[in-house]
């Protein structure tokens, strides 16, 4: 009788151990991070970002940043936080952006942060000036949405040497 009791306990323990050791792929609460799908999403976000600049839509641009974001423009101080980024955006919009395009050339990251590195071409002002350069955006997952945490860009044209 005691022996049968011990066998039942052993079988029960094995069943519990087997259930606890189920591979993570069978759990419904674990989702795999899909880098390719995230890249496509960020490329679409970049298109939205550039189109908003051409349209003068600062509301859309502001909504794409985290509350504590940093924007690091060429030749200027960092804009930290949404109010400072909004002011920087308004300065650029006042220049009259007529065309803006970004192209992702490298993309990597995790489910929490991704880095989008690429090139850009921006046309603005009177007379019309076209600027080409490189950018690096760090995107952060916030409440299920990707938002820019850090945005930096630089032009391909070197600054003039001091005299």
N, C-alpha and C. Protein backbone atom coordinates (compact mmCIF):
# COMPACT_ATOMS: atom_id res chain seq x y z
N UNK A 1 0.82 -1.18 0.00
CA UNK A 1 0.00 0.00 0.00
C UNK A 1 0.87 1.25 0.00
N UNK A 2 1.89 1.29 0.85
CA UNK A 2 2.81 2.41 0.91
C UNK A 2 3.55 2.55 -0.40
N UNK A 3 3.88 1.39 -0.97
CA UNK A 3 4.61 1.43 -2.24
C UNK A 3 3.75 2.05 -3.35
N UNK A 4 2.48 1.72 -3.42
CA UNK A 4 1.56 2.28 -4.42
C UNK A 4 1.42 3.79 -4.19
N UNK A 5 1.38 4.23 -2.96
CA UNK A 5 1.29 5.65 -2.61
C UNK A 5 2.54 6.38 -3.12
N UNK A 6 3.72 5.81 -2.94
CA UNK A 6 4.97 6.42 -3.40
C UNK A 6 5.02 6.51 -4.93
N UNK A 7 4.49 5.51 -5.60
CA UNK A 7 4.46 5.53 -7.07
C UNK A 7 3.54 6.66 -7.54
N UNK A 8 2.39 6.83 -6.90
CA UNK A 8 1.46 7.91 -7.28
C UNK A 8 2.10 9.28 -7.05
N UNK A 9 2.81 9.45 -5.97
CA UNK A 9 3.50 10.72 -5.68
C UNK A 9 4.56 10.98 -6.74
N UNK A 10 5.31 9.95 -7.10
CA UNK A 10 6.37 10.10 -8.11
C UNK A 10 5.78 10.48 -9.47
N UNK A 11 4.68 9.84 -9.84
CA UNK A 11 4.03 10.16 -11.12
C UNK A 11 3.49 11.59 -11.10
N UNK A 12 2.90 11.97 -9.99
CA UNK A 12 2.38 13.34 -9.85
C UNK A 12 3.50 14.36 -9.93
N UNK A 13 4.63 14.08 -9.28
CA UNK A 13 5.77 15.00 -9.32
C UNK A 13 6.31 15.14 -10.73
N UNK A 14 6.38 14.03 -11.48
CA UNK A 14 6.85 14.09 -12.86
C UNK A 14 5.90 14.91 -13.73
N UNK A 15 4.62 14.75 -13.51
CA UNK A 15 3.64 15.51 -14.29
C UNK A 15 3.78 17.00 -14.03
N UNK A 16 3.94 17.38 -12.77
CA UNK A 16 4.12 18.80 -12.42
C UNK A 16 5.41 19.33 -13.02
N UNK A 17 6.49 18.57 -12.91
CA UNK A 17 7.78 18.99 -13.45
C UNK A 17 7.70 19.15 -14.96
N UNK A 18 7.01 18.25 -15.61
CA UNK A 18 6.86 18.35 -17.07
C UNK A 18 6.08 19.58 -17.48
N UNK A 19 5.05 19.91 -16.74
CA UNK A 19 4.25 21.10 -17.04
C UNK A 19 5.06 22.36 -16.83
N UNK A 20 5.88 22.38 -15.78
CA UNK A 20 6.70 23.56 -15.50
C UNK A 20 7.82 23.71 -16.51
N UNK A 21 8.25 22.64 -17.12
CA UNK A 21 9.37 22.70 -18.04
C UNK A 21 8.92 22.83 -19.49
N UNK A 22 7.66 23.17 -19.72
CA UNK A 22 7.17 23.32 -21.09
C UNK A 22 7.98 24.39 -21.80
N UNK A 23 8.33 24.16 -23.06
CA UNK A 23 9.12 25.15 -23.78
C UNK A 23 8.38 26.47 -23.90
N UNK A 24 9.14 27.57 -23.91
CA UNK A 24 8.53 28.90 -23.94
C UNK A 24 7.69 29.13 -25.18
N UNK A 25 7.97 28.41 -26.27
CA UNK A 25 7.20 28.60 -27.49
C UNK A 25 5.75 28.17 -27.33
N UNK A 26 5.44 27.38 -26.30
CA UNK A 26 4.05 26.97 -26.09
C UNK A 26 3.32 27.94 -25.17
N UNK A 27 4.02 28.87 -24.56
CA UNK A 27 3.37 29.85 -23.69
C UNK A 27 2.78 30.97 -24.54
N UNK A 28 1.58 31.37 -24.21
CA UNK A 28 0.91 32.39 -25.02
C UNK A 28 1.30 33.80 -24.61
N UNK A 29 1.93 34.01 -23.45
CA UNK A 29 2.26 35.34 -22.99
C UNK A 29 3.63 35.82 -23.46
N UNK A 30 4.35 35.02 -24.18
CA UNK A 30 5.68 35.38 -24.66
C UNK A 30 5.61 35.60 -26.16
N UNK A 31 6.00 36.81 -26.60
CA UNK A 31 6.00 37.11 -28.03
C UNK A 31 7.44 37.32 -28.48
N UNK A 32 7.77 36.77 -29.61
CA UNK A 32 9.11 36.95 -30.16
C UNK A 32 9.21 38.33 -30.80
N UNK A 33 10.36 38.95 -30.68
CA UNK A 33 10.61 40.25 -31.29
C UNK A 33 10.93 40.03 -32.77
N UNK A 34 10.22 40.71 -33.63
CA UNK A 34 10.39 40.59 -35.07
C UNK A 34 11.10 41.84 -35.60
N UNK A 35 12.42 41.74 -35.78
CA UNK A 35 13.22 42.89 -36.21
C UNK A 35 12.82 43.37 -37.59
N UNK A 36 12.55 42.47 -38.51
CA UNK A 36 12.18 42.87 -39.87
C UNK A 36 10.86 43.63 -39.88
N UNK A 37 9.88 43.17 -39.12
CA UNK A 37 8.60 43.87 -39.05
C UNK A 37 8.76 45.23 -38.38
N UNK A 38 9.61 45.29 -37.36
CA UNK A 38 9.86 46.56 -36.68
C UNK A 38 10.56 47.53 -37.61
N UNK A 39 11.50 47.04 -38.40
CA UNK A 39 12.18 47.89 -39.38
C UNK A 39 11.17 48.50 -40.34
N UNK A 40 10.26 47.70 -40.86
CA UNK A 40 9.24 48.19 -41.78
C UNK A 40 8.37 49.25 -41.10
N UNK A 41 8.03 49.03 -39.85
CA UNK A 41 7.24 49.99 -39.09
C UNK A 41 7.99 51.31 -38.91
N UNK A 42 9.26 51.24 -38.58
CA UNK A 42 10.06 52.45 -38.38
C UNK A 42 10.26 53.19 -39.70
N UNK A 43 10.45 52.47 -40.78
CA UNK A 43 10.55 53.13 -42.09
C UNK A 43 9.26 53.89 -42.40
N UNK A 44 8.12 53.31 -42.06
CA UNK A 44 6.85 54.01 -42.24
C UNK A 44 6.77 55.23 -41.31
N UNK A 45 7.27 55.10 -40.09
CA UNK A 45 7.31 56.23 -39.16
C UNK A 45 8.20 57.34 -39.71
N UNK A 46 9.34 56.97 -40.31
CA UNK A 46 10.22 57.97 -40.91
C UNK A 46 9.51 58.73 -42.03
N UNK A 47 8.74 58.02 -42.84
CA UNK A 47 7.98 58.67 -43.92
C UNK A 47 6.96 59.64 -43.33
N UNK A 48 6.32 59.24 -42.27
CA UNK A 48 5.35 60.10 -41.59
C UNK A 48 6.05 61.34 -41.03
N UNK A 49 7.24 61.14 -40.44
CA UNK A 49 8.04 62.21 -39.86
C UNK A 49 8.45 63.22 -40.94
N UNK A 50 8.96 62.74 -42.06
CA UNK A 50 9.41 63.65 -43.11
C UNK A 50 8.23 64.38 -43.76
N UNK A 51 7.13 63.67 -43.99
CA UNK A 51 5.95 64.30 -44.59
C UNK A 51 5.39 65.39 -43.67
N UNK A 52 5.43 65.14 -42.37
CA UNK A 52 4.95 66.15 -41.42
C UNK A 52 5.81 67.41 -41.47
N UNK A 53 7.10 67.26 -41.68
CA UNK A 53 7.97 68.44 -41.82
C UNK A 53 7.60 69.25 -43.06
N UNK A 54 7.37 68.59 -44.17
CA UNK A 54 7.01 69.28 -45.40
C UNK A 54 5.64 69.96 -45.24
N UNK A 55 4.73 69.31 -44.54
CA UNK A 55 3.39 69.85 -44.33
C UNK A 55 3.34 70.91 -43.23
N UNK A 56 4.43 71.05 -42.47
CA UNK A 56 4.43 72.01 -41.36
C UNK A 56 3.62 71.53 -40.17
N UNK A 57 3.47 70.23 -40.02
CA UNK A 57 2.62 69.62 -38.99
C UNK A 57 3.42 69.32 -37.72
N UNK A 58 3.57 70.33 -36.87
CA UNK A 58 4.36 70.17 -35.65
C UNK A 58 3.69 69.24 -34.65
N UNK A 59 2.38 69.11 -34.68
CA UNK A 59 1.67 68.22 -33.75
C UNK A 59 2.09 66.77 -34.01
N UNK A 60 2.10 66.37 -35.27
CA UNK A 60 2.53 65.01 -35.61
C UNK A 60 3.99 64.80 -35.24
N UNK A 61 4.84 65.77 -35.56
CA UNK A 61 6.26 65.65 -35.23
C UNK A 61 6.44 65.49 -33.73
N UNK A 62 5.81 66.35 -32.94
CA UNK A 62 5.93 66.28 -31.47
C UNK A 62 5.48 64.92 -30.93
N UNK A 63 4.44 64.35 -31.52
CA UNK A 63 3.88 63.09 -31.03
C UNK A 63 4.81 61.90 -31.27
N UNK A 64 5.84 62.10 -32.05
CA UNK A 64 6.73 61.00 -32.40
C UNK A 64 7.91 60.86 -31.44
N UNK A 65 8.02 61.77 -30.48
CA UNK A 65 9.12 61.75 -29.51
C UNK A 65 8.64 61.29 -28.14
N UNK A 66 9.55 60.71 -27.35
CA UNK A 66 9.25 60.41 -25.95
C UNK A 66 9.25 61.73 -25.18
N UNK A 67 8.66 61.74 -24.00
CA UNK A 67 8.58 62.96 -23.19
C UNK A 67 9.96 63.49 -22.82
N UNK A 68 10.93 62.60 -22.65
CA UNK A 68 12.27 63.01 -22.23
C UNK A 68 13.29 62.92 -23.37
N UNK A 69 12.82 62.99 -24.60
CA UNK A 69 13.68 62.82 -25.77
C UNK A 69 14.76 63.90 -25.86
N UNK A 70 15.78 63.57 -26.66
CA UNK A 70 16.87 64.51 -26.96
C UNK A 70 17.00 64.60 -28.47
N UNK A 71 17.15 65.83 -28.95
CA UNK A 71 17.43 66.06 -30.36
C UNK A 71 18.75 66.81 -30.43
N UNK A 72 19.67 66.29 -31.24
CA UNK A 72 21.03 66.81 -31.30
C UNK A 72 21.31 67.34 -32.70
N UNK A 73 20.99 68.62 -32.95
CA UNK A 73 21.16 69.19 -34.29
C UNK A 73 22.63 69.51 -34.58
N UNK A 74 22.98 69.60 -35.86
CA UNK A 74 24.36 69.95 -36.19
C UNK A 74 24.64 71.40 -35.81
N UNK A 75 25.79 71.63 -35.21
CA UNK A 75 26.22 72.98 -34.89
C UNK A 75 25.42 73.67 -33.82
N UNK A 76 24.66 72.91 -33.02
CA UNK A 76 23.84 73.54 -32.00
C UNK A 76 23.78 72.72 -30.74
N UNK A 77 23.19 73.32 -29.72
CA UNK A 77 23.02 72.64 -28.45
C UNK A 77 21.91 71.60 -28.53
N UNK A 78 21.97 70.63 -27.66
CA UNK A 78 20.93 69.60 -27.58
C UNK A 78 19.61 70.23 -27.14
N UNK A 79 18.54 69.77 -27.75
CA UNK A 79 17.19 70.12 -27.30
C UNK A 79 16.71 68.93 -26.47
N UNK A 80 16.44 69.16 -25.18
CA UNK A 80 16.08 68.08 -24.27
C UNK A 80 14.65 68.28 -23.78
N UNK A 81 13.80 67.27 -24.01
CA UNK A 81 12.41 67.32 -23.60
C UNK A 81 11.53 67.89 -24.71
N UNK A 82 10.25 67.59 -24.62
CA UNK A 82 9.32 67.99 -25.69
C UNK A 82 9.23 69.50 -25.93
N UNK A 83 9.20 70.35 -24.90
CA UNK A 83 9.13 71.79 -25.19
C UNK A 83 10.34 72.29 -26.00
N UNK A 84 11.52 71.83 -25.64
CA UNK A 84 12.73 72.25 -26.37
C UNK A 84 12.75 71.68 -27.78
N UNK A 85 12.31 70.44 -27.94
CA UNK A 85 12.26 69.82 -29.27
C UNK A 85 11.22 70.54 -30.13
N UNK A 86 10.10 70.91 -29.54
CA UNK A 86 9.07 71.65 -30.28
C UNK A 86 9.64 72.99 -30.77
N UNK A 87 10.36 73.71 -29.92
CA UNK A 87 10.95 74.99 -30.32
C UNK A 87 11.94 74.79 -31.47
N UNK A 88 12.76 73.75 -31.38
CA UNK A 88 13.72 73.45 -32.44
C UNK A 88 12.98 73.12 -33.75
N UNK A 89 11.94 72.31 -33.64
CA UNK A 89 11.14 71.95 -34.82
C UNK A 89 10.56 73.21 -35.47
N UNK A 90 10.03 74.12 -34.65
CA UNK A 90 9.42 75.33 -35.20
C UNK A 90 10.45 76.17 -35.94
N UNK A 91 11.68 76.23 -35.44
CA UNK A 91 12.74 76.96 -36.14
C UNK A 91 12.98 76.35 -37.53
N UNK A 92 13.00 75.05 -37.61
CA UNK A 92 13.20 74.39 -38.90
C UNK A 92 12.00 74.59 -39.82
N UNK A 93 10.79 74.50 -39.27
CA UNK A 93 9.60 74.68 -40.10
C UNK A 93 9.52 76.09 -40.66
N UNK A 94 9.97 77.08 -39.90
CA UNK A 94 9.96 78.47 -40.37
C UNK A 94 10.85 78.67 -41.59
N UNK A 95 11.84 77.80 -41.77
CA UNK A 95 12.73 77.90 -42.93
C UNK A 95 12.02 77.51 -44.22
N UNK A 96 10.84 76.91 -44.11
CA UNK A 96 10.07 76.53 -45.30
C UNK A 96 10.58 75.27 -45.97
N UNK A 97 10.38 74.14 -45.33
CA UNK A 97 10.83 72.86 -45.87
C UNK A 97 9.92 72.47 -47.03
N UNK A 98 10.53 72.23 -48.18
CA UNK A 98 9.75 71.88 -49.38
C UNK A 98 9.93 70.41 -49.78
N UNK A 99 10.98 69.77 -49.29
CA UNK A 99 11.19 68.35 -49.57
C UNK A 99 12.05 67.77 -48.45
N UNK A 100 11.75 66.52 -48.07
CA UNK A 100 12.50 65.86 -47.01
C UNK A 100 12.36 64.37 -47.23
N UNK A 101 13.49 63.68 -47.24
CA UNK A 101 13.49 62.24 -47.46
C UNK A 101 14.56 61.60 -46.59
N UNK A 102 14.25 60.48 -45.99
CA UNK A 102 15.22 59.70 -45.22
C UNK A 102 15.28 58.29 -45.80
N UNK A 103 16.47 57.69 -45.73
CA UNK A 103 16.63 56.31 -46.18
C UNK A 103 17.41 55.53 -45.13
N UNK A 104 16.80 54.49 -44.61
CA UNK A 104 17.46 53.64 -43.62
C UNK A 104 18.53 52.80 -44.30
N UNK A 105 19.75 52.81 -43.72
CA UNK A 105 20.82 51.98 -44.27
C UNK A 105 21.29 50.91 -43.27
N UNK A 106 20.98 51.09 -42.01
CA UNK A 106 21.31 50.07 -41.00
C UNK A 106 20.24 50.13 -39.91
N UNK A 107 19.92 48.97 -39.38
CA UNK A 107 18.83 48.89 -38.40
C UNK A 107 19.08 47.71 -37.48
N UNK A 108 19.03 47.95 -36.18
CA UNK A 108 19.25 46.86 -35.21
C UNK A 108 18.60 47.24 -33.88
N UNK A 109 18.42 46.25 -33.01
CA UNK A 109 17.87 46.55 -31.70
C UNK A 109 17.17 45.37 -31.05
N UNK A 110 16.37 45.71 -30.05
CA UNK A 110 15.64 44.73 -29.25
C UNK A 110 14.18 45.16 -29.16
N UNK A 111 13.39 44.42 -28.39
CA UNK A 111 11.98 44.77 -28.23
C UNK A 111 11.80 46.09 -27.48
N UNK A 112 12.81 46.56 -26.76
CA UNK A 112 12.71 47.80 -26.00
C UNK A 112 13.22 49.01 -26.77
N UNK A 113 14.34 48.86 -27.49
CA UNK A 113 14.97 49.95 -28.23
C UNK A 113 15.43 49.45 -29.59
N UNK A 114 15.29 50.30 -30.61
CA UNK A 114 15.89 50.01 -31.91
C UNK A 114 16.65 51.25 -32.38
N UNK A 115 17.67 51.00 -33.20
CA UNK A 115 18.47 52.08 -33.75
C UNK A 115 18.30 52.07 -35.26
N UNK A 116 17.97 53.22 -35.80
CA UNK A 116 17.76 53.42 -37.22
C UNK A 116 18.82 54.42 -37.69
N UNK A 117 19.71 53.97 -38.55
CA UNK A 117 20.77 54.83 -39.07
C UNK A 117 20.60 54.96 -40.57
N UNK A 118 20.76 56.17 -41.08
CA UNK A 118 20.57 56.34 -42.51
C UNK A 118 21.05 57.66 -43.04
N UNK A 119 20.57 57.98 -44.24
CA UNK A 119 20.91 59.22 -44.91
C UNK A 119 19.64 60.04 -45.10
N UNK A 120 19.83 61.34 -45.28
CA UNK A 120 18.68 62.20 -45.51
C UNK A 120 19.00 63.24 -46.58
N UNK A 121 17.94 63.78 -47.15
CA UNK A 121 18.04 64.91 -48.08
C UNK A 121 16.89 65.85 -47.72
N UNK A 122 17.23 67.11 -47.49
CA UNK A 122 16.28 68.11 -47.02
C UNK A 122 16.42 69.36 -47.88
N UNK A 123 15.30 69.88 -48.40
CA UNK A 123 15.31 71.10 -49.19
C UNK A 123 14.46 72.14 -48.47
N UNK A 124 15.02 73.34 -48.33
CA UNK A 124 14.34 74.39 -47.57
C UNK A 124 14.82 75.77 -48.01
N UNK A 125 14.09 76.79 -47.56
CA UNK A 125 14.51 78.18 -47.68
C UNK A 125 14.32 78.83 -49.03
N UNK A 126 14.59 80.15 -49.03
CA UNK A 126 14.57 80.98 -50.23
C UNK A 126 15.88 81.75 -50.27
N UNK A 127 16.78 81.56 -51.17
CA UNK A 127 16.65 80.60 -52.26
C UNK A 127 16.71 79.17 -51.74
N UNK A 128 16.23 78.27 -52.53
CA UNK A 128 16.15 76.86 -52.16
C UNK A 128 17.54 76.26 -51.94
N UNK A 129 17.71 75.61 -50.78
CA UNK A 129 18.97 74.96 -50.42
C UNK A 129 18.67 73.49 -50.19
N UNK A 130 19.49 72.61 -50.74
CA UNK A 130 19.33 71.18 -50.49
C UNK A 130 20.50 70.72 -49.65
N UNK A 131 20.17 70.11 -48.53
CA UNK A 131 21.16 69.61 -47.57
C UNK A 131 21.10 68.09 -47.58
N UNK A 132 22.25 67.47 -47.61
CA UNK A 132 22.34 66.00 -47.53
C UNK A 132 23.19 65.65 -46.32
N UNK A 133 22.84 64.54 -45.68
CA UNK A 133 23.62 64.14 -44.52
C UNK A 133 23.24 62.77 -44.02
N UNK A 134 23.62 62.53 -42.77
CA UNK A 134 23.40 61.25 -42.10
C UNK A 134 22.60 61.50 -40.83
N UNK A 135 21.84 60.48 -40.42
CA UNK A 135 21.09 60.58 -39.17
C UNK A 135 21.21 59.28 -38.39
N UNK A 136 20.91 59.38 -37.12
CA UNK A 136 20.82 58.22 -36.24
C UNK A 136 19.68 58.49 -35.27
N UNK A 137 18.69 57.62 -35.29
CA UNK A 137 17.55 57.74 -34.38
C UNK A 137 17.49 56.52 -33.48
N UNK A 138 17.34 56.75 -32.19
CA UNK A 138 17.10 55.68 -31.23
C UNK A 138 15.62 55.73 -30.91
N UNK A 139 14.94 54.64 -31.22
CA UNK A 139 13.49 54.53 -30.98
C UNK A 139 13.26 53.67 -29.75
N UNK A 140 12.31 54.09 -28.93
CA UNK A 140 11.98 53.39 -27.68
C UNK A 140 10.52 52.97 -27.72
N UNK A 141 10.26 51.77 -27.25
CA UNK A 141 8.89 51.27 -27.16
C UNK A 141 8.24 51.89 -25.91
N UNK A 142 7.18 52.69 -26.13
CA UNK A 142 6.46 53.35 -25.04
C UNK A 142 4.97 53.07 -25.21
N UNK A 143 4.39 52.38 -24.25
CA UNK A 143 2.96 52.06 -24.30
C UNK A 143 2.54 51.44 -25.64
N UNK A 144 3.38 50.53 -26.14
CA UNK A 144 3.06 49.82 -27.36
C UNK A 144 3.34 50.58 -28.64
N UNK A 145 3.91 51.78 -28.54
CA UNK A 145 4.23 52.59 -29.73
C UNK A 145 5.72 52.88 -29.75
N UNK A 146 6.29 52.94 -30.93
CA UNK A 146 7.69 53.33 -31.08
C UNK A 146 7.77 54.84 -31.18
N UNK A 147 8.59 55.43 -30.29
CA UNK A 147 8.80 56.88 -30.29
C UNK A 147 10.30 57.16 -30.27
N UNK A 148 10.69 58.29 -30.83
CA UNK A 148 12.10 58.66 -30.84
C UNK A 148 12.56 59.08 -29.45
N UNK A 149 13.60 58.44 -28.98
CA UNK A 149 14.23 58.79 -27.71
C UNK A 149 15.39 59.76 -27.95
N UNK A 150 16.15 59.49 -29.01
CA UNK A 150 17.28 60.35 -29.38
C UNK A 150 17.32 60.48 -30.88
N UNK A 151 17.54 61.70 -31.35
CA UNK A 151 17.57 62.03 -32.78
C UNK A 151 18.79 62.91 -33.01
N UNK A 152 19.68 62.44 -33.88
CA UNK A 152 20.87 63.23 -34.21
C UNK A 152 21.09 63.18 -35.72
N UNK A 153 21.54 64.29 -36.28
CA UNK A 153 21.85 64.32 -37.70
C UNK A 153 23.00 65.28 -37.95
N UNK A 154 23.70 65.04 -39.05
CA UNK A 154 24.78 65.94 -39.45
C UNK A 154 24.83 66.02 -40.97
N UNK A 155 25.25 67.17 -41.45
CA UNK A 155 25.31 67.39 -42.89
C UNK A 155 26.60 66.81 -43.47
N UNK A 156 26.56 66.50 -44.75
CA UNK A 156 27.75 66.01 -45.44
C UNK A 156 28.72 67.13 -45.77
N UNK A 157 28.24 68.37 -45.78
CA UNK A 157 29.09 69.51 -46.07
C UNK A 157 29.83 69.90 -44.81
N UNK A 158 31.15 69.92 -44.90
CA UNK A 158 31.95 70.27 -43.75
C UNK A 158 31.79 71.76 -43.43
N UNK A 159 31.86 72.07 -42.16
CA UNK A 159 31.81 73.47 -41.74
C UNK A 159 33.10 74.15 -42.20
N UNK A 160 33.04 75.42 -42.53
CA UNK A 160 34.25 76.10 -42.96
C UNK A 160 35.28 76.15 -41.82
N UNK A 161 36.53 76.03 -42.20
CA UNK A 161 37.60 76.10 -41.21
C UNK A 161 37.73 77.51 -40.67
N UNK A 162 38.05 77.65 -39.38
CA UNK A 162 38.21 79.00 -38.82
C UNK A 162 39.44 79.69 -39.45
N UNK A 163 39.34 80.99 -39.59
CA UNK A 163 40.44 81.75 -40.21
C UNK A 163 41.30 82.39 -39.16
